[in-house]
Amino acid sequence: MRAFAAAIGALFADPNIGRDAVYIADGGVSVPVRVVARRADAITDFGDARLWSETTRIDLRVTEVPNPHPGDRIEIGSGAFLIQGEPVRDRERLVWTVDLRPA
Protein backbone atom coordinates (compact mmCIF):
# COMPACT_ATOMS: atom_id res chain seq x y z
CA MET A 1 0.00 0.00 0.00
CA ARG A 2 2.98 2.34 0.44
CA ALA A 3 3.50 2.41 -3.32
CA PHE A 4 -0.12 3.44 -3.82
CA ALA A 5 0.15 6.15 -1.15
CA ALA A 6 3.32 7.44 -2.84
CA ALA A 7 1.54 7.54 -6.20
CA ILE A 8 -1.38 9.48 -4.68
CA GLY A 9 1.09 11.91 -3.13
CA ALA A 10 2.77 12.43 -6.51
CA LEU A 11 -0.56 13.11 -8.22
CA PHE A 12 -1.59 15.71 -5.64
CA ALA A 13 1.87 17.35 -5.83
CA ASP A 14 1.83 17.55 -9.65
CA PRO A 15 1.17 21.19 -10.65
CA ASN A 16 -0.88 20.03 -13.65
CA ILE A 17 -3.25 17.95 -11.52
CA GLY A 18 -3.24 19.22 -7.93
CA ARG A 19 -4.12 22.72 -6.80
CA ASP A 20 -3.51 24.68 -3.63
CA ALA A 21 -6.60 25.27 -1.54
CA VAL A 22 -7.64 26.13 1.99
CA TYR A 23 -9.83 23.84 4.10
CA ILE A 24 -11.80 25.40 6.93
CA ALA A 25 -13.75 23.10 9.23
CA ASP A 26 -17.11 24.53 10.31
CA GLY A 27 -16.07 27.15 12.87
CA GLY A 28 -12.44 26.01 12.72
CA VAL A 29 -8.99 27.05 11.64
CA SER A 30 -7.73 27.43 8.05
CA VAL A 31 -5.54 24.56 6.85
CA PRO A 32 -3.62 24.71 3.55
CA VAL A 33 -4.28 21.57 1.47
CA ARG A 34 -3.80 20.22 -2.03
CA VAL A 35 -6.89 19.18 -3.99
CA VAL A 36 -7.60 17.44 -7.26
CA ALA A 37 -10.62 18.96 -8.99
CA ARG A 38 -13.25 16.85 -10.73
CA ARG A 39 -15.71 19.07 -12.50
CA ALA A 40 -17.73 16.40 -14.19
CA ASP A 41 -21.31 16.79 -15.32
CA ALA A 42 -23.88 14.54 -13.72
CA ILE A 43 -26.86 12.95 -15.43
CA THR A 44 -29.62 11.86 -13.08
CA ASP A 45 -32.63 9.78 -14.05
CA PHE A 46 -35.93 11.09 -12.71
CA GLY A 47 -38.79 8.93 -13.91
CA ASP A 48 -38.65 9.01 -17.71
CA ALA A 49 -36.60 12.21 -17.75
CA ARG A 50 -32.84 12.62 -17.58
CA LEU A 51 -31.59 15.71 -15.80
CA TRP A 52 -28.18 17.24 -16.54
CA SER A 53 -26.36 19.29 -13.94
CA GLU A 54 -22.88 20.67 -13.46
CA THR A 55 -21.12 19.29 -10.44
CA THR A 56 -18.04 20.34 -8.56
CA ARG A 57 -16.24 17.51 -6.87
CA ILE A 58 -12.77 17.45 -5.45
CA ASP A 59 -10.48 14.88 -3.93
CA LEU A 60 -8.77 15.57 -0.60
CA ARG A 61 -6.02 13.51 1.00
CA VAL A 62 -7.08 11.83 4.23
CA THR A 63 -3.68 12.74 5.70
CA GLU A 64 -4.50 16.46 5.28
CA VAL A 65 -8.24 16.33 6.09
CA PRO A 66 -8.95 13.33 8.31
CA ASN A 67 -12.66 13.98 8.88
CA PRO A 68 -14.47 16.40 6.51
CA HIS A 69 -18.12 17.20 7.18
CA PRO A 70 -20.99 18.79 5.29
CA GLY A 71 -20.83 22.55 5.79
CA ASP A 72 -17.03 22.71 5.94
CA ARG A 73 -15.54 25.33 3.61
CA ILE A 74 -13.02 24.91 0.79
CA GLU A 75 -11.39 27.93 -0.86
CA ILE A 76 -9.78 27.33 -4.25
CA GLY A 77 -8.26 30.43 -5.79
CA SER A 78 -10.90 33.15 -5.59
CA GLY A 79 -13.76 30.63 -5.27
CA ALA A 80 -15.36 29.56 -2.01
CA PHE A 81 -17.36 26.35 -1.67
CA LEU A 82 -19.16 24.37 1.02
CA ILE A 83 -19.11 20.60 1.29
CA GLN A 84 -22.55 19.16 0.66
CA GLY A 85 -23.57 15.60 1.33
CA GLU A 86 -21.40 12.99 3.00
CA PRO A 87 -17.77 12.70 1.89
CA VAL A 88 -16.77 9.30 0.49
CA ARG A 89 -13.39 7.62 0.97
CA ASP A 90 -11.71 5.53 -1.67
CA ARG A 91 -11.13 1.82 -1.26
CA GLU A 92 -7.60 2.30 0.06
CA ARG A 93 -8.82 4.96 2.54
CA LEU A 94 -6.33 7.53 1.27
CA VAL A 95 -8.59 10.02 -0.53
CA TRP A 96 -11.92 11.70 0.24
CA THR A 97 -14.20 12.68 -2.64
CA VAL A 98 -16.50 15.55 -1.70
CA ASP A 99 -19.30 17.34 -3.52
CA LEU A 100 -19.17 21.11 -3.32
CA ARG A 101 -21.61 23.96 -3.80
CA PRO A 102 -20.79 27.65 -4.03
CA ALA A 103 -20.59 29.38 -0.64
C-alpha atoms as a PDB file:
ATOM      1  CA  MET A   1       0.000   0.000   0.000  1.00  0.00           C
ATOM      2  CA  ARG A   2       2.976   2.340   0.444  1.00  0.00           C
ATOM      3  CA  ALA A   3       3.497   2.408  -3.322  1.00  0.00           C
ATOM      4  CA  PHE A   4      -0.118   3.435  -3.823  1.00  0.00           C
ATOM      5  CA  ALA A   5       0.149   6.145  -1.154  1.00  0.00           C
ATOM      6  CA  ALA A   6       3.317   7.444  -2.837  1.00  0.00           C
ATOM      7  CA  ALA A   7       1.537   7.539  -6.204  1.00  0.00           C
ATOM      8  CA  ILE A   8      -1.381   9.479  -4.683  1.00  0.00           C
ATOM      9  CA  GLY A   9       1.092  11.914  -3.132  1.00  0.00           C
ATOM     10  CA  ALA A  10       2.775  12.430  -6.505  1.00  0.00           C
ATOM     11  CA  LEU A  11      -0.560  13.111  -8.216  1.00  0.00           C
ATOM     12  CA  PHE A  12      -1.586  15.710  -5.640  1.00  0.00           C
ATOM     13  CA  ALA A  13       1.869  17.352  -5.830  1.00  0.00           C
ATOM     14  CA  ASP A  14       1.828  17.546  -9.652  1.00  0.00           C
ATOM     15  CA  PRO A  15       1.171  21.194 -10.652  1.00  0.00           C
ATOM     16  CA  ASN A  16      -0.882  20.026 -13.654  1.00  0.00           C
ATOM     17  CA  ILE A  17      -3.252  17.952 -11.522  1.00  0.00           C
ATOM     18  CA  GLY A  18      -3.237  19.217  -7.929  1.00  0.00           C
ATOM     19  CA  ARG A  19      -4.123  22.718  -6.796  1.00  0.00           C
ATOM     20  CA  ASP A  20      -3.509  24.681  -3.634  1.00  0.00           C
ATOM     21  CA  ALA A  21      -6.601  25.265  -1.538  1.00  0.00           C
ATOM     22  CA  VAL A  22      -7.640  26.131   1.990  1.00  0.00           C
ATOM     23  CA  TYR A  23      -9.830  23.840   4.095  1.00  0.00           C
ATOM     24  CA  ILE A  24     -11.802  25.400   6.933  1.00  0.00           C
ATOM     25  CA  ALA A  25     -13.749  23.100   9.235  1.00  0.00           C
ATOM     26  CA  ASP A  26     -17.109  24.528  10.313  1.00  0.00           C
ATOM     27  CA  GLY A  27     -16.068  27.146  12.866  1.00  0.00           C
ATOM     28  CA  GLY A  28     -12.439  26.009  12.721  1.00  0.00           C
ATOM     29  CA  VAL A  29      -8.990  27.046  11.640  1.00  0.00           C
ATOM     30  CA  SER A  30      -7.733  27.431   8.049  1.00  0.00           C
ATOM     31  CA  VAL A  31      -5.542  24.558   6.851  1.00  0.00           C
ATOM     32  CA  PRO A  32      -3.617  24.711   3.552  1.00  0.00           C
ATOM     33  CA  VAL A  33      -4.277  21.568   1.474  1.00  0.00           C
ATOM     34  CA  ARG A  34      -3.797  20.221  -2.029  1.00  0.00           C
ATOM     35  CA  VAL A  35      -6.891  19.175  -3.990  1.00  0.00           C
ATOM     36  CA  VAL A  36      -7.602  17.438  -7.262  1.00  0.00           C
ATOM     37  CA  ALA A  37     -10.623  18.958  -8.986  1.00  0.00           C
ATOM     38  CA  ARG A  38     -13.249  16.845 -10.733  1.00  0.00           C
ATOM     39  CA  ARG A  39     -15.714  19.073 -12.496  1.00  0.00           C
ATOM     40  CA  ALA A  40     -17.728  16.398 -14.192  1.00  0.00           C
ATOM     41  CA  ASP A  41     -21.313  16.787 -15.323  1.00  0.00           C
ATOM     42  CA  ALA A  42     -23.882  14.536 -13.720  1.00  0.00           C
ATOM     43  CA  ILE A  43     -26.859  12.946 -15.431  1.00  0.00           C
ATOM     44  CA  THR A  44     -29.615  11.858 -13.084  1.00  0.00           C
ATOM     45  CA  ASP A  45     -32.629   9.778 -14.048  1.00  0.00           C
ATOM     46  CA  PHE A  46     -35.928  11.089 -12.712  1.00  0.00           C
ATOM     47  CA  GLY A  47     -38.789   8.929 -13.906  1.00  0.00           C
ATOM     48  CA  ASP A  48     -38.651   9.008 -17.713  1.00  0.00           C
ATOM     49  CA  ALA A  49     -36.598  12.206 -17.748  1.00  0.00           C
ATOM     50  CA  ARG A  50     -32.839  12.617 -17.577  1.00  0.00           C
ATOM     51  CA  LEU A  51     -31.589  15.713 -15.802  1.00  0.00           C
ATOM     52  CA  TRP A  52     -28.183  17.239 -16.538  1.00  0.00           C
ATOM     53  CA  SER A  53     -26.359  19.292 -13.937  1.00  0.00           C
ATOM     54  CA  GLU A  54     -22.880  20.669 -13.457  1.00  0.00           C
ATOM     55  CA  THR A  55     -21.118  19.288 -10.442  1.00  0.00           C
ATOM     56  CA  THR A  56     -18.041  20.344  -8.563  1.00  0.00           C
ATOM     57  CA  ARG A  57     -16.241  17.514  -6.870  1.00  0.00           C
ATOM     58  CA  ILE A  58     -12.773  17.448  -5.448  1.00  0.00           C
ATOM     59  CA  ASP A  59     -10.476  14.879  -3.933  1.00  0.00           C
ATOM     60  CA  LEU A  60      -8.768  15.571  -0.596  1.00  0.00           C
ATOM     61  CA  ARG A  61      -6.021  13.507   0.997  1.00  0.00           C
ATOM     62  CA  VAL A  62      -7.082  11.832   4.232  1.00  0.00           C
ATOM     63  CA  THR A  63      -3.677  12.737   5.703  1.00  0.00           C
ATOM     64  CA  GLU A  64      -4.505  16.455   5.284  1.00  0.00           C
ATOM     65  CA  VAL A  65      -8.235  16.335   6.093  1.00  0.00           C
ATOM     66  CA  PRO A  66      -8.953  13.330   8.314  1.00  0.00           C
ATOM     67  CA  ASN A  67     -12.665  13.984   8.877  1.00  0.00           C
ATOM     68  CA  PRO A  68     -14.467  16.396   6.511  1.00  0.00           C
ATOM     69  CA  HIS A  69     -18.119  17.203   7.183  1.00  0.00           C
ATOM     70  CA  PRO A  70     -20.994  18.794   5.286  1.00  0.00           C
ATOM     71  CA  GLY A  71     -20.831  22.554   5.787  1.00  0.00           C
ATOM     72  CA  ASP A  72     -17.029  22.712   5.943  1.00  0.00           C
ATOM     73  CA  ARG A  73     -15.542  25.330   3.610  1.00  0.00           C
ATOM     74  CA  ILE A  74     -13.023  24.913   0.787  1.00  0.00           C
ATOM     75  CA  GLU A  75     -11.394  27.925  -0.860  1.00  0.00           C
ATOM     76  CA  ILE A  76      -9.784  27.325  -4.250  1.00  0.00           C
ATOM     77  CA  GLY A  77      -8.262  30.428  -5.791  1.00  0.00           C
ATOM     78  CA  SER A  78     -10.900  33.146  -5.586  1.00  0.00           C
ATOM     79  CA  GLY A  79     -13.765  30.634  -5.266  1.00  0.00           C
ATOM     80  CA  ALA A  80     -15.362  29.564  -2.009  1.00  0.00           C
ATOM     81  CA  PHE A  81     -17.360  26.350  -1.665  1.00  0.00           C
ATOM     82  CA  LEU A  82     -19.164  24.372   1.017  1.00  0.00           C
ATOM     83  CA  ILE A  83     -19.109  20.598   1.286  1.00  0.00           C
ATOM     84  CA  GLN A  84     -22.547  19.163   0.660  1.00  0.00           C
ATOM     85  CA  GLY A  85     -23.566  15.601   1.332  1.00  0.00           C
ATOM     86  CA  GLU A  86     -21.404  12.993   2.997  1.00  0.00           C
ATOM     87  CA  PRO A  87     -17.767  12.701   1.888  1.00  0.00           C
ATOM     88  CA  VAL A  88     -16.775   9.299   0.486  1.00  0.00           C
ATOM     89  CA  ARG A  89     -13.389   7.622   0.972  1.00  0.00           C
ATOM     90  CA  ASP A  90     -11.707   5.525  -1.674  1.00  0.00           C
ATOM     91  CA  ARG A  91     -11.128   1.817  -1.259  1.00  0.00           C
ATOM     92  CA  GLU A  92      -7.597   2.304   0.056  1.00  0.00           C
ATOM     93  CA  ARG A  93      -8.822   4.956   2.536  1.00  0.00           C
ATOM     94  CA  LEU A  94      -6.331   7.534   1.268  1.00  0.00           C
ATOM     95  CA  VAL A  95      -8.590  10.019  -0.529  1.00  0.00           C
ATOM     96  CA  TRP A  96     -11.918  11.704   0.239  1.00  0.00           C
ATOM     97  CA  THR A  97     -14.198  12.682  -2.640  1.00  0.00           C
ATOM     98  CA  VAL A  98     -16.504  15.549  -1.700  1.00  0.00           C
ATOM     99  CA  ASP A  99     -19.303  17.341  -3.524  1.00  0.00           C
ATOM    100  CA  LEU A 100     -19.173  21.111  -3.321  1.00  0.00           C
ATOM    101  CA  ARG A 101     -21.613  23.958  -3.797  1.00  0.00           C
ATOM    102  CA  PRO A 102     -20.789  27.651  -4.032  1.00  0.00           C
ATOM    103  CA  ALA A 103     -20.587  29.377  -0.640  1.00  0.00           C
END
